[in-house]
Amino acid sequence: MMNEFWLRQIKASTAGLELTYPETEIRFRVEFDSTGDPSFGIVELYNLRPETENRLQRGEYFILSAGYQGDTGTLIAGAISHVFAREEGVDRICEVEVIDATSAYLSQIISRTYSENSRLSYIITDVLKTTGLEIGPISLPDNLIYPQGRVIEGRVKEVLQQLAEEGGARLYVKNGTVYVVPEAYAEEVGVLLTSETGLIRSPTRIDSEDAEWEVECILNYRIREGTYIEIASKAANGVYRVVSGYHDSAGAQHVTKIEVVGL
């Protein structure tokens, strides 16, 4: 089985540190969705030396990568938002919270006035430049022109979400990059899930406005919001887009769980 411990690989990097499993016990849960909220991760690092623990500071850039022997990739890359150490039995656990965004994107207030006949794509790009994040694809189904100009005011995140909605698009952040894309947009990353390629059990039909199936597979760093998934199973067959999900690794578990919608 691919999920045997000896094949598992995990690496946490920050502030000049590089911690790897199994030399360091590392457990995590990384959540992602298509709502515009940045991905969020909780990483637990066990029994660190005091000098190592002290180097984990709020605001430092943190990269978590994982997978299996010979095939690993980034799960989340962002700023440390909180560090908390606790004792649990004989273990000392340093819990690190990571957000795939910048403080400017999350909480900065912006107030700007744009001239007559400004295009929506220009305004969105201009606001994005204030976030410190990489600007990914900007594809608006309706690239509005504002004949009377446009005034924006509020928190950057909320402003960008509103502008994206006005253009008929959705906004999300992935590994420090902002995407403003049509609802049906899916990245050109294809993942085939069968019982031979990592599907743990047959997908389950769910009652949701946004998704149709719940899927569980061995941990796959390629899977994020917006990823194309081809599923071959007794229950679900076809091509789907990932709406939301999480990567989870703790004890015997090293999995990715997602909700998908058909294309």
Protein backbone atom coordinates (compact mmCIF):
# COMPACT_ATOMS: atom_id res chain seq x y z
CA MET A 1 0.00 0.00 0.00
CA MET A 2 1.22 3.50 -0.82
CA ASN A 3 0.15 4.83 2.56
CA GLU A 4 2.59 2.73 4.60
CA PHE A 5 4.58 4.93 6.97
CA TRP A 6 7.92 4.23 5.27
CA LEU A 7 6.72 5.83 2.05
CA ARG A 8 5.34 8.96 3.71
CA GLN A 9 7.29 12.20 3.35
CA ILE A 10 6.63 15.55 5.07
CA LYS A 11 8.76 18.69 5.23
CA ALA A 12 8.22 21.98 7.08
CA SER A 13 10.45 24.92 6.18
CA THR A 14 10.64 28.36 7.83
CA ALA A 15 13.18 30.92 9.05
CA GLY A 16 16.13 28.89 7.78
CA LEU A 17 14.78 25.70 9.38
CA GLU A 18 14.00 22.48 7.53
CA LEU A 19 12.17 19.85 9.58
CA THR A 20 11.43 16.47 8.01
CA TYR A 21 9.42 13.40 8.93
CA PRO A 22 10.18 10.90 10.47
CA GLU A 23 13.16 12.64 12.11
CA THR A 24 10.55 15.04 13.50
CA GLU A 25 7.00 13.91 14.14
CA ILE A 26 4.86 16.24 11.98
CA ARG A 27 1.08 16.20 11.87
CA PHE A 28 -1.14 18.61 9.96
CA ARG A 29 -4.48 19.58 8.53
CA VAL A 30 -4.66 22.02 5.60
CA GLU A 31 -8.09 23.26 4.51
CA PHE A 32 -9.01 24.88 1.19
CA ASP A 33 -12.13 26.05 -0.64
CA SER A 34 -13.35 28.35 -3.39
CA THR A 35 -14.95 31.05 -1.23
CA GLY A 36 -12.13 33.59 -1.46
CA ASP A 37 -10.92 32.85 2.05
CA PRO A 38 -7.24 31.88 2.09
CA SER A 39 -6.22 28.30 2.77
CA PHE A 40 -5.57 27.60 6.43
CA GLY A 41 -3.24 25.05 7.97
CA ILE A 42 -2.49 23.76 11.46
CA VAL A 43 0.87 22.02 11.72
CA GLU A 44 1.93 20.15 14.86
CA LEU A 45 5.67 19.70 15.43
CA TYR A 46 6.67 17.29 18.19
CA ASN A 47 9.46 17.58 20.74
CA LEU A 48 11.51 20.34 19.18
CA ARG A 49 14.66 21.66 20.79
CA PRO A 50 13.99 24.96 22.64
CA GLU A 51 16.22 26.89 20.24
CA THR A 52 14.31 25.45 17.27
CA GLU A 53 10.92 26.20 18.80
CA ASN A 54 11.97 29.78 19.47
CA ARG A 55 12.60 30.34 15.76
CA LEU A 56 8.95 29.72 14.92
CA GLN A 57 7.59 33.24 15.02
CA ARG A 58 4.41 34.94 13.89
CA GLY A 59 4.82 36.58 10.49
CA GLU A 60 7.57 34.23 9.29
CA TYR A 61 7.04 32.59 5.90
CA PHE A 62 6.22 28.88 6.28
CA ILE A 63 6.12 26.13 3.64
CA LEU A 64 4.60 22.70 4.22
CA SER A 65 5.14 20.02 1.62
CA ALA A 66 4.13 16.37 1.71
CA GLY A 67 3.45 13.27 -0.31
CA TYR A 68 5.10 9.93 -0.76
CA GLN A 69 8.60 8.79 -1.59
CA GLY A 70 9.68 10.37 -4.88
CA ASP A 71 6.52 12.47 -5.27
CA THR A 72 6.01 15.42 -2.92
CA GLY A 73 4.76 18.98 -3.36
CA THR A 74 3.58 22.09 -1.56
CA LEU A 75 0.37 21.91 0.47
CA ILE A 76 0.47 25.45 1.84
CA ALA A 77 2.88 28.38 1.71
CA GLY A 78 2.10 31.46 3.74
CA ALA A 79 2.62 33.46 6.89
CA ILE A 80 2.61 32.04 10.41
CA SER A 81 -0.40 33.56 12.14
CA HIS A 82 -0.04 31.92 15.55
CA VAL A 83 2.33 29.65 17.49
CA PHE A 84 1.26 27.74 20.59
CA ALA A 85 3.20 25.10 22.54
CA ARG A 86 1.54 22.58 24.86
CA GLU A 87 2.40 19.49 26.84
CA GLU A 88 0.53 16.28 26.01
CA GLY A 89 1.65 13.27 28.02
CA VAL A 90 5.38 12.81 27.49
CA ASP A 91 5.32 14.99 24.34
CA ARG A 92 5.71 18.72 23.85
CA ILE A 93 3.79 19.84 20.78
CA CYS A 94 4.41 23.13 18.99
CA GLU A 95 1.27 24.04 17.07
CA VAL A 96 1.81 26.40 14.14
CA GLU A 97 -1.09 28.08 12.35
CA VAL A 98 -0.40 29.12 8.75
CA ILE A 99 -2.54 31.32 6.50
CA ASP A 100 -2.08 31.36 2.73
CA ALA A 101 -2.29 35.15 2.53
CA THR A 102 -0.80 38.40 3.79
CA SER A 103 -2.07 40.72 6.51
CA ALA A 104 -2.61 43.36 3.81
CA TYR A 105 -5.02 41.06 1.96
CA LEU A 106 -6.89 40.09 5.11
CA SER A 107 -7.20 43.35 7.03
CA GLN A 108 -5.83 46.40 5.20
CA ILE A 109 -8.37 49.16 4.55
CA ILE A 110 -8.39 50.68 1.08
CA SER A 111 -10.12 53.80 -0.25
CA ARG A 112 -9.68 54.79 -3.89
CA THR A 113 -11.53 56.59 -6.65
CA TYR A 114 -11.21 55.49 -10.27
CA SER A 115 -11.82 57.75 -13.24
CA GLU A 116 -14.62 57.62 -15.79
CA ASN A 117 -14.70 54.58 -18.10
CA SER A 118 -12.38 52.53 -15.88
CA ARG A 119 -12.53 48.80 -16.58
CA LEU A 120 -13.21 46.31 -13.82
CA SER A 121 -10.12 44.25 -14.69
CA TYR A 122 -7.91 47.33 -14.23
CA ILE A 123 -9.47 48.12 -10.83
CA ILE A 124 -9.06 44.54 -9.60
CA THR A 125 -5.43 44.43 -10.73
CA ASP A 126 -4.73 47.77 -9.07
CA VAL A 127 -6.20 46.61 -5.76
CA LEU A 128 -4.34 43.31 -5.94
CA LYS A 129 -1.05 45.18 -6.17
CA THR A 130 -1.57 46.35 -2.59
CA THR A 131 -1.76 42.81 -1.16
CA GLY A 132 1.80 41.57 -1.56
CA LEU A 133 0.42 38.41 -3.18
CA GLU A 134 1.22 37.12 -6.64
CA ILE A 135 -1.41 37.99 -9.23
CA GLY A 136 -2.65 34.92 -11.06
CA PRO A 137 -5.20 34.64 -13.87
CA ILE A 138 -7.80 37.39 -14.07
CA SER A 139 -10.63 36.26 -16.33
CA LEU A 140 -13.94 38.05 -15.96
CA PRO A 141 -17.10 36.81 -17.70
CA ASP A 142 -18.28 40.44 -17.60
CA ASN A 143 -15.40 42.94 -17.72
CA LEU A 144 -17.54 45.95 -16.83
CA ILE A 145 -16.79 49.54 -17.80
CA TYR A 146 -17.84 52.19 -15.25
CA PRO A 147 -18.91 55.29 -17.25
CA GLN A 148 -19.15 57.42 -14.08
CA GLY A 149 -16.01 55.99 -12.53
CA ARG A 150 -15.91 53.77 -9.44
CA VAL A 151 -15.29 54.42 -5.75
CA ILE A 152 -14.10 51.55 -3.55
CA GLU A 153 -13.72 51.55 0.20
CA GLY A 154 -13.33 48.82 2.80
CA ARG A 155 -11.13 45.87 3.69
CA VAL A 156 -9.11 44.67 0.71
CA LYS A 157 -10.42 41.10 0.90
CA GLU A 158 -14.09 42.16 0.97
CA VAL A 159 -13.54 44.76 -1.76
CA LEU A 160 -11.94 42.18 -4.05
CA GLN A 161 -14.69 39.65 -3.42
CA GLN A 162 -17.33 42.26 -4.30
CA LEU A 163 -15.51 43.30 -7.47
CA ALA A 164 -15.13 39.68 -8.55
CA GLU A 165 -18.86 39.10 -8.06
CA GLU A 166 -19.67 42.18 -10.13
CA GLY A 167 -17.70 40.63 -12.96
CA GLY A 168 -19.41 37.25 -12.58
CA ALA A 169 -16.23 35.64 -11.28
CA ARG A 170 -14.99 33.98 -8.09
CA LEU A 171 -11.85 34.81 -6.18
CA TYR A 172 -9.52 32.51 -4.29
CA VAL A 173 -5.93 32.35 -3.02
CA LYS A 174 -3.58 29.40 -3.54
CA ASN A 175 0.03 29.26 -2.36
CA GLY A 176 0.34 33.02 -2.29
CA THR A 177 -1.33 33.60 -5.67
CA VAL A 178 -4.74 35.25 -6.18
CA TYR A 179 -7.09 33.92 -8.85
CA VAL A 180 -10.10 35.83 -10.22
CA VAL A 181 -11.78 33.41 -12.60
CA PRO A 182 -15.16 32.18 -13.89
CA GLU A 183 -17.13 29.85 -11.61
CA ALA A 184 -16.43 26.85 -13.85
CA TYR A 185 -12.69 27.55 -14.06
CA ALA A 186 -10.44 24.59 -13.30
CA GLU A 187 -6.69 24.50 -13.52
CA GLU A 188 -4.91 22.48 -16.16
CA VAL A 189 -3.81 19.95 -13.54
CA GLY A 190 -5.50 16.61 -14.02
CA VAL A 191 -5.68 13.91 -11.39
CA LEU A 192 -7.00 10.42 -12.11
CA LEU A 193 -8.54 8.70 -9.09
CA THR A 194 -9.23 4.99 -9.20
CA SER A 195 -8.76 2.22 -6.67
CA GLU A 196 -5.32 1.66 -8.24
CA THR A 197 -4.24 5.32 -8.12
CA GLY A 198 -5.25 6.26 -4.59
CA LEU A 199 -9.04 6.27 -4.25
CA ILE A 200 -9.62 4.89 -0.75
CA ARG A 201 -13.34 4.14 -1.03
CA SER A 202 -16.18 4.75 -3.43
CA PRO A 203 -17.30 8.42 -3.52
CA THR A 204 -20.36 9.37 -1.48
CA ARG A 205 -23.23 11.45 -2.86
CA ILE A 206 -23.81 14.59 -0.75
CA ASP A 207 -26.62 17.13 -0.45
CA SER A 208 -24.96 20.48 -1.15
CA GLU A 209 -25.62 23.52 -3.31
CA ASP A 210 -22.00 23.63 -4.42
CA ALA A 211 -20.87 19.99 -4.67
CA GLU A 212 -22.19 16.57 -5.65
CA TRP A 213 -19.71 14.03 -4.29
CA GLU A 214 -17.43 13.55 -1.30
CA VAL A 215 -14.19 11.81 -2.20
CA GLU A 216 -11.33 10.41 -0.11
CA CYS A 217 -7.94 9.39 -1.46
CA ILE A 218 -4.37 8.96 -0.29
CA LEU A 219 -2.73 12.33 0.26
CA ASN A 220 -2.24 14.12 -3.07
CA TYR A 221 -0.62 17.58 -3.01
CA ARG A 222 -1.82 18.25 -6.58
CA ILE A 223 -5.41 18.44 -5.40
CA ARG A 224 -6.65 21.89 -4.41
CA GLU A 225 -9.67 24.06 -5.06
CA GLY A 226 -10.24 24.32 -8.81
CA THR A 227 -8.36 21.13 -9.72
CA TYR A 228 -9.75 18.81 -12.39
CA ILE A 229 -10.39 15.31 -11.05
CA GLU A 230 -11.22 12.31 -13.20
CA ILE A 231 -12.91 9.62 -11.14
CA ALA A 232 -13.49 6.01 -12.13
CA SER A 233 -15.55 4.14 -9.54
CA LYS A 234 -18.78 2.22 -9.10
CA ALA A 235 -20.55 5.34 -7.79
CA ALA A 236 -19.04 8.30 -9.65
CA ASN A 237 -17.50 8.35 -13.11
CA GLY A 238 -16.38 11.34 -15.12
CA VAL A 239 -14.55 14.63 -14.77
CA TYR A 240 -15.15 16.84 -11.75
CA ARG A 241 -13.93 20.13 -10.29
CA VAL A 242 -12.76 20.37 -6.69
CA VAL A 243 -14.89 22.79 -4.66
CA SER A 244 -13.35 22.33 -1.22
CA GLY A 245 -11.43 19.89 0.93
CA TYR A 246 -8.49 19.27 3.20
CA HIS A 247 -5.21 17.39 3.51
CA ASP A 248 -4.87 15.51 6.79
CA SER A 249 -1.93 13.63 8.28
CA ALA A 250 -1.92 12.21 11.80
CA GLY A 251 -1.01 8.75 13.03
CA ALA A 252 -2.00 6.18 10.42
CA GLN A 253 -3.91 8.78 8.38
CA HIS A 254 -2.27 10.53 5.42
CA VAL A 255 -5.19 11.48 3.19
CA THR A 256 -6.93 14.10 1.08
CA LYS A 257 -10.69 14.55 1.41
CA ILE A 258 -12.57 16.70 -1.09
CA GLU A 259 -15.99 17.74 -2.35
CA VAL A 260 -16.41 17.90 -6.12
CA VAL A 261 -18.93 18.99 -8.73
CA GLY A 262 -19.35 17.55 -12.23
CA LEU A 263 -18.25 19.49 -15.30
